[in-house]
Amino acid sequence: MSNLIFIVPAVIALSGVLLWLLLPQLNISATPASSFHPERNEGLPTPKHYKHFRQVRQALSSEDCDYLNKFAPPPVAKKALQERRAVARAFLKGLYEDFSCLTHLGRIIAALSPEVSRQQETERLLLTLKFQILYGLILLRLSMGNMPIQQLEHLTGLVGSLAARMDEAMAKMSALSASQQINGRLGA
């Protein structure tokens, strides 16, 4: 019975921490940025951060850290490492914003699409779950002082592939809309 007194609060606290990690409270910008084709996406939420992974990867590389540790005074190297973790957290927040914009765009496309299969909805749900779990793990590793470059690359790849799929869906919707307009004019 006395063990239960300690176990229940520990489980509740651990659940709270996991929930906090997996569902971050971010202030997601509602201003759209031009991403794929501005003329097609005007007014729609579009991703903008995932494209900068190459620069982030360079800043977080182990070679960069080794160079700093070798040639910079220890306080400077420590400060640079802290700033690089802050850059990684900011990039991670940007990936979250990109993913949120893309899933919002996916819901808009699904609402406008004549047919949405259960398989597509299940894929979107699983992708969101995968993103949230990976996001939480990366955030946890960053807070522990690690630089999870491969996981960041994988998360960036998820966002990039979702962006490509949304671009393809937008192109199909645009082509469908154009063909319906042409058929409407010919029928009139």
N, C-alpha and C. Protein backbone atom coordinates (compact mmCIF):
# COMPACT_ATOMS: atom_id res chain seq x y z
N MET A 1 0.82 -1.20 0.00
CA MET A 1 0.00 0.00 0.00
C MET A 1 0.87 1.26 0.00
N SER A 2 1.94 1.26 0.81
CA SER A 2 2.79 2.44 0.87
C SER A 2 3.55 2.64 -0.45
N ASN A 3 3.87 1.54 -1.15
CA ASN A 3 4.51 1.66 -2.47
C ASN A 3 3.57 2.32 -3.47
N LEU A 4 2.30 2.06 -3.35
CA LEU A 4 1.31 2.63 -4.24
C LEU A 4 1.25 4.15 -4.10
N ILE A 5 1.51 4.64 -2.91
CA ILE A 5 1.50 6.09 -2.66
C ILE A 5 2.59 6.78 -3.48
N PHE A 6 3.70 6.10 -3.67
CA PHE A 6 4.80 6.68 -4.43
C PHE A 6 4.68 6.40 -5.93
N ILE A 7 4.14 5.27 -6.28
CA ILE A 7 4.06 4.87 -7.69
C ILE A 7 3.04 5.70 -8.45
N VAL A 8 1.86 5.93 -7.89
CA VAL A 8 0.80 6.66 -8.59
C VAL A 8 1.24 8.08 -8.94
N PRO A 9 1.78 8.87 -7.99
CA PRO A 9 2.24 10.21 -8.39
C PRO A 9 3.38 10.17 -9.41
N ALA A 10 4.27 9.17 -9.30
CA ALA A 10 5.36 9.07 -10.26
C ALA A 10 4.82 8.79 -11.65
N VAL A 11 3.84 7.91 -11.78
CA VAL A 11 3.23 7.61 -13.08
C VAL A 11 2.52 8.84 -13.62
N ILE A 12 1.82 9.56 -12.78
CA ILE A 12 1.12 10.78 -13.21
C ILE A 12 2.12 11.82 -13.68
N ALA A 13 3.21 11.99 -12.92
CA ALA A 13 4.23 12.97 -13.32
C ALA A 13 4.89 12.57 -14.63
N LEU A 14 5.22 11.29 -14.77
CA LEU A 14 5.84 10.81 -16.01
C LEU A 14 4.89 10.98 -17.19
N SER A 15 3.62 10.69 -16.99
CA SER A 15 2.63 10.89 -18.06
C SER A 15 2.53 12.36 -18.44
N GLY A 16 2.57 13.23 -17.46
CA GLY A 16 2.53 14.66 -17.74
C GLY A 16 3.73 15.12 -18.54
N VAL A 17 4.91 14.64 -18.19
CA VAL A 17 6.13 15.01 -18.91
C VAL A 17 6.06 14.50 -20.35
N LEU A 18 5.63 13.25 -20.53
CA LEU A 18 5.52 12.70 -21.89
C LEU A 18 4.49 13.47 -22.71
N LEU A 19 3.38 13.83 -22.10
CA LEU A 19 2.36 14.62 -22.80
C LEU A 19 2.92 15.98 -23.18
N TRP A 20 3.66 16.59 -22.27
CA TRP A 20 4.26 17.90 -22.53
C TRP A 20 5.26 17.80 -23.69
N LEU A 21 6.02 16.69 -23.74
CA LEU A 21 7.00 16.52 -24.82
C LEU A 21 6.33 16.24 -26.16
N LEU A 22 5.27 15.45 -26.14
CA LEU A 22 4.66 15.05 -27.40
C LEU A 22 3.69 16.07 -27.95
N LEU A 23 3.13 16.89 -27.10
CA LEU A 23 2.19 17.91 -27.55
C LEU A 23 2.65 19.29 -27.09
N PRO A 24 3.71 19.81 -27.70
CA PRO A 24 4.24 21.10 -27.25
C PRO A 24 3.26 22.23 -27.54
N GLN A 25 3.30 23.19 -26.67
CA GLN A 25 2.43 24.35 -26.86
C GLN A 25 3.22 25.41 -27.58
N LEU A 26 3.12 25.39 -28.89
CA LEU A 26 3.85 26.34 -29.71
C LEU A 26 2.91 27.39 -30.25
N ASN A 27 3.42 28.58 -30.39
CA ASN A 27 2.65 29.64 -31.00
C ASN A 27 2.89 29.55 -32.50
N ILE A 28 2.01 28.88 -33.20
CA ILE A 28 2.19 28.63 -34.63
C ILE A 28 1.73 29.86 -35.41
N SER A 29 2.62 30.35 -36.22
CA SER A 29 2.33 31.53 -37.02
C SER A 29 1.25 31.23 -38.06
N ALA A 30 0.32 32.12 -38.18
CA ALA A 30 -0.76 31.92 -39.15
C ALA A 30 -0.45 32.61 -40.48
N THR A 31 0.68 33.32 -40.55
CA THR A 31 1.01 33.99 -41.80
C THR A 31 1.59 33.02 -42.79
N PRO A 32 0.97 32.92 -43.95
CA PRO A 32 1.49 32.00 -44.95
C PRO A 32 2.76 32.55 -45.59
N ALA A 33 3.64 31.66 -45.93
CA ALA A 33 4.86 32.02 -46.65
C ALA A 33 4.84 31.29 -47.98
N SER A 34 5.47 31.89 -48.97
CA SER A 34 5.47 31.20 -50.25
C SER A 34 6.44 30.05 -50.16
N SER A 35 5.95 28.87 -50.55
CA SER A 35 6.77 27.69 -50.42
C SER A 35 6.94 27.01 -51.76
N PHE A 36 5.90 26.33 -52.25
CA PHE A 36 6.06 25.60 -53.48
C PHE A 36 5.81 26.52 -54.67
N HIS A 37 4.56 26.86 -54.90
CA HIS A 37 4.20 27.73 -56.02
C HIS A 37 3.26 28.80 -55.48
N PRO A 38 3.78 30.01 -55.24
CA PRO A 38 2.97 31.04 -54.62
C PRO A 38 1.67 31.34 -55.36
N GLU A 39 1.70 31.24 -56.68
CA GLU A 39 0.48 31.55 -57.43
C GLU A 39 -0.62 30.53 -57.14
N ARG A 40 -0.26 29.30 -56.80
CA ARG A 40 -1.26 28.27 -56.50
C ARG A 40 -1.64 28.26 -55.04
N ASN A 41 -0.74 28.65 -54.15
CA ASN A 41 -0.96 28.49 -52.72
C ASN A 41 -1.30 29.79 -52.00
N GLU A 42 -1.64 30.81 -52.73
CA GLU A 42 -1.91 32.08 -52.10
C GLU A 42 -3.02 31.95 -51.06
N GLY A 43 -2.71 32.37 -49.85
CA GLY A 43 -3.69 32.31 -48.77
C GLY A 43 -3.72 30.98 -48.04
N LEU A 44 -2.97 29.99 -48.50
CA LEU A 44 -2.95 28.68 -47.84
C LEU A 44 -1.72 28.57 -46.96
N PRO A 45 -1.81 27.79 -45.88
CA PRO A 45 -0.63 27.61 -45.03
C PRO A 45 0.41 26.76 -45.75
N THR A 46 1.64 27.22 -45.76
CA THR A 46 2.70 26.50 -46.47
C THR A 46 3.94 26.38 -45.58
N PRO A 47 4.73 25.33 -45.76
CA PRO A 47 5.93 25.14 -44.95
C PRO A 47 7.06 26.04 -45.41
N LYS A 48 7.95 26.36 -44.49
CA LYS A 48 9.08 27.21 -44.86
C LYS A 48 10.38 26.86 -44.16
N HIS A 49 10.36 26.05 -43.12
CA HIS A 49 11.56 25.80 -42.33
C HIS A 49 12.36 24.58 -42.78
N TYR A 50 11.68 23.54 -43.22
CA TYR A 50 12.36 22.27 -43.48
C TYR A 50 13.46 22.39 -44.53
N LYS A 51 13.39 23.39 -45.38
CA LYS A 51 14.37 23.57 -46.45
C LYS A 51 15.75 23.98 -45.94
N HIS A 52 15.83 24.40 -44.68
CA HIS A 52 17.08 24.91 -44.14
C HIS A 52 17.87 23.86 -43.36
N PHE A 53 17.52 22.59 -43.54
CA PHE A 53 18.20 21.55 -42.76
C PHE A 53 19.69 21.48 -43.05
N ARG A 54 20.10 21.70 -44.28
CA ARG A 54 21.52 21.61 -44.64
C ARG A 54 22.36 22.55 -43.77
N GLN A 55 21.89 23.78 -43.58
CA GLN A 55 22.63 24.74 -42.76
C GLN A 55 22.63 24.32 -41.28
N VAL A 56 21.50 23.82 -40.82
CA VAL A 56 21.40 23.38 -39.43
C VAL A 56 22.31 22.18 -39.19
N ARG A 57 22.31 21.24 -40.13
CA ARG A 57 23.17 20.06 -40.00
C ARG A 57 24.63 20.48 -39.91
N GLN A 58 25.04 21.44 -40.71
CA GLN A 58 26.43 21.92 -40.66
C GLN A 58 26.75 22.53 -39.30
N ALA A 59 25.82 23.32 -38.78
CA ALA A 59 26.05 23.97 -37.49
C ALA A 59 26.10 22.96 -36.34
N LEU A 60 25.40 21.84 -36.49
CA LEU A 60 25.34 20.85 -35.41
C LEU A 60 26.32 19.70 -35.61
N SER A 61 27.11 19.74 -36.67
CA SER A 61 27.99 18.61 -36.99
C SER A 61 29.04 18.39 -35.91
N SER A 62 29.45 17.15 -35.75
CA SER A 62 30.46 16.81 -34.76
C SER A 62 31.82 17.42 -35.14
N GLU A 63 32.08 17.57 -36.44
CA GLU A 63 33.33 18.19 -36.87
C GLU A 63 33.40 19.64 -36.40
N ASP A 64 32.29 20.33 -36.47
CA ASP A 64 32.24 21.71 -36.00
C ASP A 64 32.50 21.77 -34.49
N CYS A 65 31.87 20.87 -33.76
CA CYS A 65 32.07 20.82 -32.30
C CYS A 65 33.51 20.46 -31.96
N ASP A 66 34.08 19.50 -32.68
CA ASP A 66 35.48 19.12 -32.44
C ASP A 66 36.41 20.29 -32.69
N TYR A 67 36.14 21.02 -33.77
CA TYR A 67 36.97 22.19 -34.09
C TYR A 67 36.90 23.22 -32.97
N LEU A 68 35.70 23.49 -32.50
CA LEU A 68 35.53 24.45 -31.40
C LEU A 68 36.27 24.00 -30.15
N ASN A 69 36.11 22.72 -29.80
CA ASN A 69 36.76 22.21 -28.60
C ASN A 69 38.28 22.26 -28.71
N LYS A 70 38.78 22.13 -29.93
CA LYS A 70 40.22 22.11 -30.15
C LYS A 70 40.82 23.52 -30.13
N PHE A 71 40.13 24.49 -30.74
CA PHE A 71 40.75 25.80 -30.94
C PHE A 71 40.14 26.94 -30.12
N ALA A 72 38.95 26.77 -29.61
CA ALA A 72 38.32 27.86 -28.85
C ALA A 72 38.54 27.65 -27.35
N PRO A 73 38.61 28.75 -26.61
CA PRO A 73 38.69 28.61 -25.15
C PRO A 73 37.45 27.89 -24.62
N PRO A 74 37.58 27.11 -23.55
CA PRO A 74 36.45 26.33 -23.04
C PRO A 74 35.15 27.12 -22.82
N PRO A 75 35.20 28.34 -22.26
CA PRO A 75 33.92 29.06 -22.10
C PRO A 75 33.25 29.41 -23.43
N VAL A 76 34.06 29.71 -24.43
CA VAL A 76 33.53 30.04 -25.75
C VAL A 76 32.93 28.79 -26.40
N ALA A 77 33.63 27.67 -26.28
CA ALA A 77 33.12 26.42 -26.85
C ALA A 77 31.82 26.01 -26.17
N LYS A 78 31.75 26.18 -24.85
CA LYS A 78 30.54 25.83 -24.11
C LYS A 78 29.38 26.72 -24.53
N LYS A 79 29.64 28.02 -24.66
CA LYS A 79 28.60 28.96 -25.08
C LYS A 79 28.12 28.64 -26.51
N ALA A 80 29.06 28.32 -27.38
CA ALA A 80 28.69 27.98 -28.77
C ALA A 80 27.83 26.72 -28.80
N LEU A 81 28.16 25.73 -27.98
CA LEU A 81 27.37 24.51 -27.92
C LEU A 81 25.94 24.79 -27.43
N GLN A 82 25.83 25.67 -26.43
CA GLN A 82 24.50 26.06 -25.93
C GLN A 82 23.70 26.76 -27.03
N GLU A 83 24.37 27.63 -27.76
CA GLU A 83 23.68 28.35 -28.83
C GLU A 83 23.27 27.39 -29.96
N ARG A 84 24.08 26.41 -30.22
CA ARG A 84 23.74 25.43 -31.26
C ARG A 84 22.54 24.59 -30.84
N ARG A 85 22.46 24.26 -29.57
CA ARG A 85 21.27 23.54 -29.09
C ARG A 85 20.03 24.42 -29.23
N ALA A 86 20.20 25.72 -28.98
CA ALA A 86 19.08 26.64 -29.14
C ALA A 86 18.67 26.71 -30.61
N VAL A 87 19.64 26.69 -31.51
CA VAL A 87 19.34 26.67 -32.95
C VAL A 87 18.58 25.40 -33.30
N ALA A 88 19.03 24.27 -32.74
CA ALA A 88 18.36 22.99 -33.02
C ALA A 88 16.92 23.03 -32.49
N ARG A 89 16.72 23.59 -31.30
CA ARG A 89 15.35 23.69 -30.76
C ARG A 89 14.49 24.62 -31.62
N ALA A 90 15.06 25.72 -32.08
CA ALA A 90 14.31 26.64 -32.94
C ALA A 90 13.97 25.97 -34.27
N PHE A 91 14.91 25.22 -34.82
CA PHE A 91 14.64 24.49 -36.06
C PHE A 91 13.56 23.44 -35.84
N LEU A 92 13.62 22.76 -34.71
CA LEU A 92 12.62 21.75 -34.38
C LEU A 92 11.24 22.39 -34.25
N LYS A 93 11.20 23.56 -33.64
CA LYS A 93 9.93 24.29 -33.54
C LYS A 93 9.43 24.66 -34.93
N GLY A 94 10.35 25.06 -35.80
CA GLY A 94 9.98 25.38 -37.17
C GLY A 94 9.45 24.16 -37.92
N LEU A 95 10.07 23.00 -37.69
CA LEU A 95 9.57 21.77 -38.32
C LEU A 95 8.15 21.47 -37.82
N TYR A 96 7.91 21.71 -36.55
CA TYR A 96 6.57 21.49 -36.00
C TYR A 96 5.56 22.41 -36.69
N GLU A 97 5.96 23.68 -36.89
CA GLU A 97 5.08 24.63 -37.58
C GLU A 97 4.83 24.18 -39.02
N ASP A 98 5.90 23.74 -39.70
CA ASP A 98 5.75 23.24 -41.07
C ASP A 98 4.79 22.06 -41.12
N PHE A 99 4.99 21.11 -40.22
CA PHE A 99 4.14 19.93 -40.20
C PHE A 99 2.68 20.32 -39.92
N SER A 100 2.49 21.23 -38.99
CA SER A 100 1.13 21.69 -38.68
C SER A 100 0.48 22.36 -39.88
N CYS A 101 1.25 23.19 -40.58
CA CYS A 101 0.72 23.84 -41.79
C CYS A 101 0.36 22.81 -42.85
N LEU A 102 1.23 21.83 -43.03
CA LEU A 102 0.98 20.81 -44.05
C LEU A 102 -0.22 19.94 -43.70
N THR A 103 -0.37 19.58 -42.43
CA THR A 103 -1.54 18.78 -42.07
C THR A 103 -2.81 19.60 -42.19
N HIS A 104 -2.73 20.88 -41.90
CA HIS A 104 -3.89 21.77 -42.11
C HIS A 104 -4.23 21.84 -43.60
N LEU A 105 -3.21 21.99 -44.42
CA LEU A 105 -3.42 22.01 -45.86
C LEU A 105 -4.01 20.68 -46.33
N GLY A 106 -3.54 19.57 -45.76
CA GLY A 106 -4.09 18.26 -46.09
C GLY A 106 -5.57 18.15 -45.75
N ARG A 107 -5.97 18.72 -44.62
CA ARG A 107 -7.39 18.70 -44.26
C ARG A 107 -8.21 19.56 -45.23
N ILE A 108 -7.64 20.67 -45.66
CA ILE A 108 -8.34 21.51 -46.63
C ILE A 108 -8.51 20.76 -47.94
N ILE A 109 -7.44 20.12 -48.40
CA ILE A 109 -7.50 19.36 -49.65
C ILE A 109 -8.50 18.21 -49.52
N ALA A 110 -8.47 17.52 -48.38
CA ALA A 110 -9.41 16.41 -48.17
C ALA A 110 -10.85 16.89 -48.18
N ALA A 111 -11.09 18.07 -47.63
CA ALA A 111 -12.44 18.61 -47.62
C ALA A 111 -12.92 18.97 -49.02
N LEU A 112 -11.99 19.39 -49.87
CA LEU A 112 -12.34 19.78 -51.23
C LEU A 112 -12.31 18.61 -52.21
N SER A 113 -11.69 17.54 -51.81
CA SER A 113 -11.54 16.39 -52.69
C SER A 113 -12.85 15.64 -52.82
N PRO A 114 -13.16 15.16 -54.03
CA PRO A 114 -14.41 14.43 -54.22
C PRO A 114 -14.43 13.10 -53.47
N GLU A 115 -13.28 12.47 -53.32
CA GLU A 115 -13.25 11.21 -52.59
C GLU A 115 -11.98 11.12 -51.75
N VAL A 116 -12.18 10.81 -50.49
CA VAL A 116 -11.07 10.61 -49.57
C VAL A 116 -11.24 9.22 -48.97
N SER A 117 -10.25 8.38 -49.15
CA SER A 117 -10.37 7.01 -48.67
C SER A 117 -9.97 6.91 -47.20
N ARG A 118 -10.45 5.86 -46.59
CA ARG A 118 -10.08 5.61 -45.20
C ARG A 118 -8.59 5.36 -45.11
N GLN A 119 -8.02 4.76 -46.12
CA GLN A 119 -6.59 4.48 -46.13
C GLN A 119 -5.79 5.79 -46.05
N GLN A 120 -6.22 6.80 -46.80
CA GLN A 120 -5.53 8.09 -46.76
C GLN A 120 -5.65 8.73 -45.39
N GLU A 121 -6.82 8.65 -44.80
CA GLU A 121 -7.02 9.21 -43.47
C GLU A 121 -6.18 8.47 -42.44
N THR A 122 -6.10 7.15 -42.56
CA THR A 122 -5.28 6.35 -41.64
C THR A 122 -3.81 6.68 -41.82
N GLU A 123 -3.37 6.85 -43.06
CA GLU A 123 -1.98 7.22 -43.32
C GLU A 123 -1.66 8.56 -42.69
N ARG A 124 -2.57 9.51 -42.82
CA ARG A 124 -2.35 10.83 -42.23
C ARG A 124 -2.27 10.75 -40.71
N LEU A 125 -3.13 9.95 -40.12
CA LEU A 125 -3.12 9.78 -38.67
C LEU A 125 -1.82 9.12 -38.20
N LEU A 126 -1.38 8.07 -38.90
CA LEU A 126 -0.14 7.40 -38.53
C LEU A 126 1.07 8.30 -38.73
N LEU A 127 1.07 9.09 -39.78
CA LEU A 127 2.16 10.02 -40.02
C LEU A 127 2.22 11.07 -38.91
N THR A 128 1.07 11.55 -38.49
CA THR A 128 1.02 12.53 -37.40
C THR A 128 1.54 11.91 -36.11
N LEU A 129 1.14 10.69 -35.83
CA LEU A 129 1.61 10.00 -34.63
C LEU A 129 3.12 9.79 -34.69
N LYS A 130 3.61 9.35 -35.83
CA LYS A 130 5.05 9.14 -36.01
C LYS A 130 5.81 10.45 -35.80
N PHE A 131 5.28 11.52 -36.39
CA PHE A 131 5.94 12.82 -36.25
C PHE A 131 5.97 13.25 -34.78
N GLN A 132 4.85 13.13 -34.09
CA GLN A 132 4.78 13.55 -32.69
C GLN A 132 5.75 12.77 -31.81
N ILE A 133 5.83 11.47 -32.02
CA ILE A 133 6.73 10.64 -31.21
C ILE A 133 8.19 11.00 -31.49
N LEU A 134 8.54 11.10 -32.76
CA LEU A 134 9.91 11.45 -33.12
C LEU A 134 10.25 12.86 -32.64
N TYR A 135 9.32 13.77 -32.76
CA TYR A 135 9.51 15.14 -32.27
C TYR A 135 9.81 15.13 -30.77
N GLY A 136 9.00 14.40 -30.02
CA GLY A 136 9.21 14.32 -28.57
C GLY A 136 10.54 13.71 -28.20
N LEU A 137 10.95 12.67 -28.92
CA LEU A 137 12.24 12.03 -28.64
C LEU A 137 13.41 12.97 -28.94
N ILE A 138 13.31 13.70 -30.03
CA ILE A 138 14.38 14.64 -30.38
C ILE A 138 14.45 15.75 -29.34
N LEU A 139 13.31 16.26 -28.94
CA LEU A 139 13.28 17.31 -27.92
C LEU A 139 13.87 16.80 -26.61
N LEU A 140 13.56 15.57 -26.26
CA LEU A 140 14.11 14.97 -25.05
C LEU A 140 15.62 14.82 -25.16
N ARG A 141 16.11 14.34 -26.30
CA ARG A 141 17.55 14.19 -26.48
C ARG A 141 18.26 15.54 -26.47
N LEU A 142 17.64 16.56 -27.05
CA LEU A 142 18.25 17.89 -27.01
C LEU A 142 18.33 18.41 -25.58
N SER A 143 17.28 18.19 -24.81
CA SER A 143 17.29 18.67 -23.43
C SER A 143 18.28 17.90 -22.56
N MET A 144 18.66 16.70 -23.01
CA MET A 144 19.67 15.92 -22.28
C MET A 144 21.09 16.28 -22.74
N GLY A 145 21.21 17.17 -23.72
CA GLY A 145 22.52 17.62 -24.16
C GLY A 145 23.05 16.93 -25.39
N ASN A 146 22.27 16.06 -26.00
CA ASN A 146 22.70 15.36 -27.22
C ASN A 146 22.36 16.18 -28.45
N MET A 147 23.03 15.86 -29.54
CA MET A 147 22.73 16.47 -30.83
C MET A 147 22.22 15.37 -31.77
N PRO A 148 20.91 15.15 -31.79
CA PRO A 148 20.34 14.05 -32.60
C PRO A 148 20.20 14.41 -34.07
N ILE A 149 21.33 14.51 -34.77
CA ILE A 149 21.31 14.96 -36.15
C ILE A 149 20.57 13.99 -37.06
N GLN A 150 20.79 12.67 -36.88
CA GLN A 150 20.11 11.71 -37.76
C GLN A 150 18.61 11.73 -37.55
N GLN A 151 18.17 11.88 -36.31
CA GLN A 151 16.73 11.94 -36.05
C GLN A 151 16.14 13.24 -36.62
N LEU A 152 16.89 14.33 -36.51
CA LEU A 152 16.43 15.59 -37.12
C LEU A 152 16.33 15.45 -38.63
N GLU A 153 17.30 14.74 -39.21
CA GLU A 153 17.26 14.51 -40.66
C GLU A 153 16.04 13.68 -41.04
N HIS A 154 15.74 12.67 -40.24
CA HIS A 154 14.57 11.84 -40.52
C HIS A 154 13.28 12.65 -40.39
N LEU A 155 13.20 13.47 -39.36
CA LEU A 155 12.01 14.30 -39.16
C LEU A 155 11.87 15.32 -40.30
N THR A 156 12.99 15.89 -40.72
CA THR A 156 12.97 16.82 -41.85
C THR A 156 12.52 16.10 -43.12
N GLY A 157 12.97 14.87 -43.29
CA GLY A 157 12.53 14.08 -44.44
C GLY A 157 11.04 13.81 -44.43
N LEU A 158 10.48 13.56 -43.24
CA LEU A 158 9.03 13.37 -43.12
C LEU A 158 8.29 14.62 -43.57
N VAL A 159 8.76 15.77 -43.10
CA VAL A 159 8.11 17.03 -43.47
C VAL A 159 8.28 17.30 -44.96
N GLY A 160 9.48 17.06 -45.48
CA GLY A 160 9.73 17.27 -46.91
C GLY A 160 8.88 16.38 -47.80
N SER A 161 8.75 15.10 -47.41
CA SER A 161 7.93 14.20 -48.23
C SER A 161 6.46 14.57 -48.13
N LEU A 162 6.02 15.02 -46.96
CA LEU A 162 4.63 15.48 -46.84
C LEU A 162 4.42 16.73 -47.68
N ALA A 163 5.41 17.62 -47.71
CA ALA A 163 5.30 18.82 -48.54
C ALA A 163 5.19 18.44 -50.02
N ALA A 164 5.97 17.46 -50.44
CA ALA A 164 5.91 17.02 -51.84
C ALA A 164 4.54 16.41 -52.15
N ARG A 165 4.01 15.62 -51.21
CA ARG A 165 2.69 15.01 -51.41
C ARG A 165 1.60 16.08 -51.47
N MET A 166 1.71 17.10 -50.65
CA MET A 166 0.71 18.18 -50.67
C MET A 166 0.82 18.98 -51.96
N ASP A 167 2.05 19.18 -52.43
CA ASP A 167 2.24 19.89 -53.70
C ASP A 167 1.61 19.10 -54.84
N GLU A 168 1.81 17.79 -54.82
CA GLU A 168 1.23 16.92 -55.84
C GLU A 168 -0.31 16.96 -55.76
N ALA A 169 -0.83 16.92 -54.55
CA ALA A 169 -2.29 16.97 -54.37
C ALA A 169 -2.85 18.31 -54.85
N MET A 170 -2.11 19.39 -54.57
CA MET A 170 -2.54 20.71 -55.04
C MET A 170 -2.55 20.76 -56.55
N ALA A 171 -1.54 20.17 -57.18
CA ALA A 171 -1.48 20.15 -58.65
C ALA A 171 -2.65 19.37 -59.22
N LYS A 172 -2.98 18.23 -58.60
CA LYS A 172 -4.12 17.43 -59.07
C LYS A 172 -5.42 18.19 -58.90
N MET A 173 -5.58 18.85 -57.76
CA MET A 173 -6.80 19.63 -57.53
C MET A 173 -6.91 20.78 -58.53
N SER A 174 -5.77 21.41 -58.81
CA SER A 174 -5.76 22.51 -59.77
C SER A 174 -6.12 22.00 -61.17
N ALA A 175 -5.56 20.86 -61.56
CA ALA A 175 -5.86 20.29 -62.88
C ALA A 175 -7.33 19.88 -62.96
N LEU A 176 -7.84 19.29 -61.88
CA LEU A 176 -9.24 18.88 -61.84
C LEU A 176 -10.16 20.10 -61.95
N SER A 177 -9.81 21.14 -61.24
CA SER A 177 -10.60 22.36 -61.28
C SER A 177 -10.58 22.98 -62.68
N ALA A 178 -9.40 22.99 -63.31
CA ALA A 178 -9.28 23.55 -64.65
C ALA A 178 -10.09 22.74 -65.66
N SER A 179 -10.05 21.40 -65.53
CA SER A 179 -10.81 20.58 -66.48
C SER A 179 -12.31 20.74 -66.26
N GLN A 180 -12.74 20.94 -65.03
CA GLN A 180 -14.16 21.15 -64.76
C GLN A 180 -14.62 22.50 -65.32
N GLN A 181 -13.73 23.50 -65.25
CA GLN A 181 -14.08 24.80 -65.81
C GLN A 181 -14.20 24.72 -67.34
N ILE A 182 -13.28 23.98 -67.97
CA ILE A 182 -13.31 23.83 -69.42
C ILE A 182 -14.57 23.07 -69.82
N ASN A 183 -14.88 21.97 -69.12
CA ASN A 183 -16.08 21.20 -69.42
C ASN A 183 -17.34 22.01 -69.21
N GLY A 184 -17.32 22.87 -68.20
CA GLY A 184 -18.48 23.74 -67.96
C GLY A 184 -18.68 24.75 -69.07
N ARG A 185 -17.58 25.27 -69.61
CA ARG A 185 -17.68 26.23 -70.71
C ARG A 185 -18.14 25.57 -72.00
N LEU A 186 -17.65 24.35 -72.23
CA LEU A 186 -18.03 23.64 -73.45
C LEU A 186 -19.49 23.20 -73.40
N GLY A 187 -19.96 22.89 -72.22
CA GLY A 187 -21.35 22.43 -72.07
C GLY A 187 -22.34 23.58 -72.14
N ALA A 188 -21.89 24.81 -71.94
CA ALA A 188 -22.81 25.95 -71.93
C ALA A 188 -23.12 26.48 -73.31
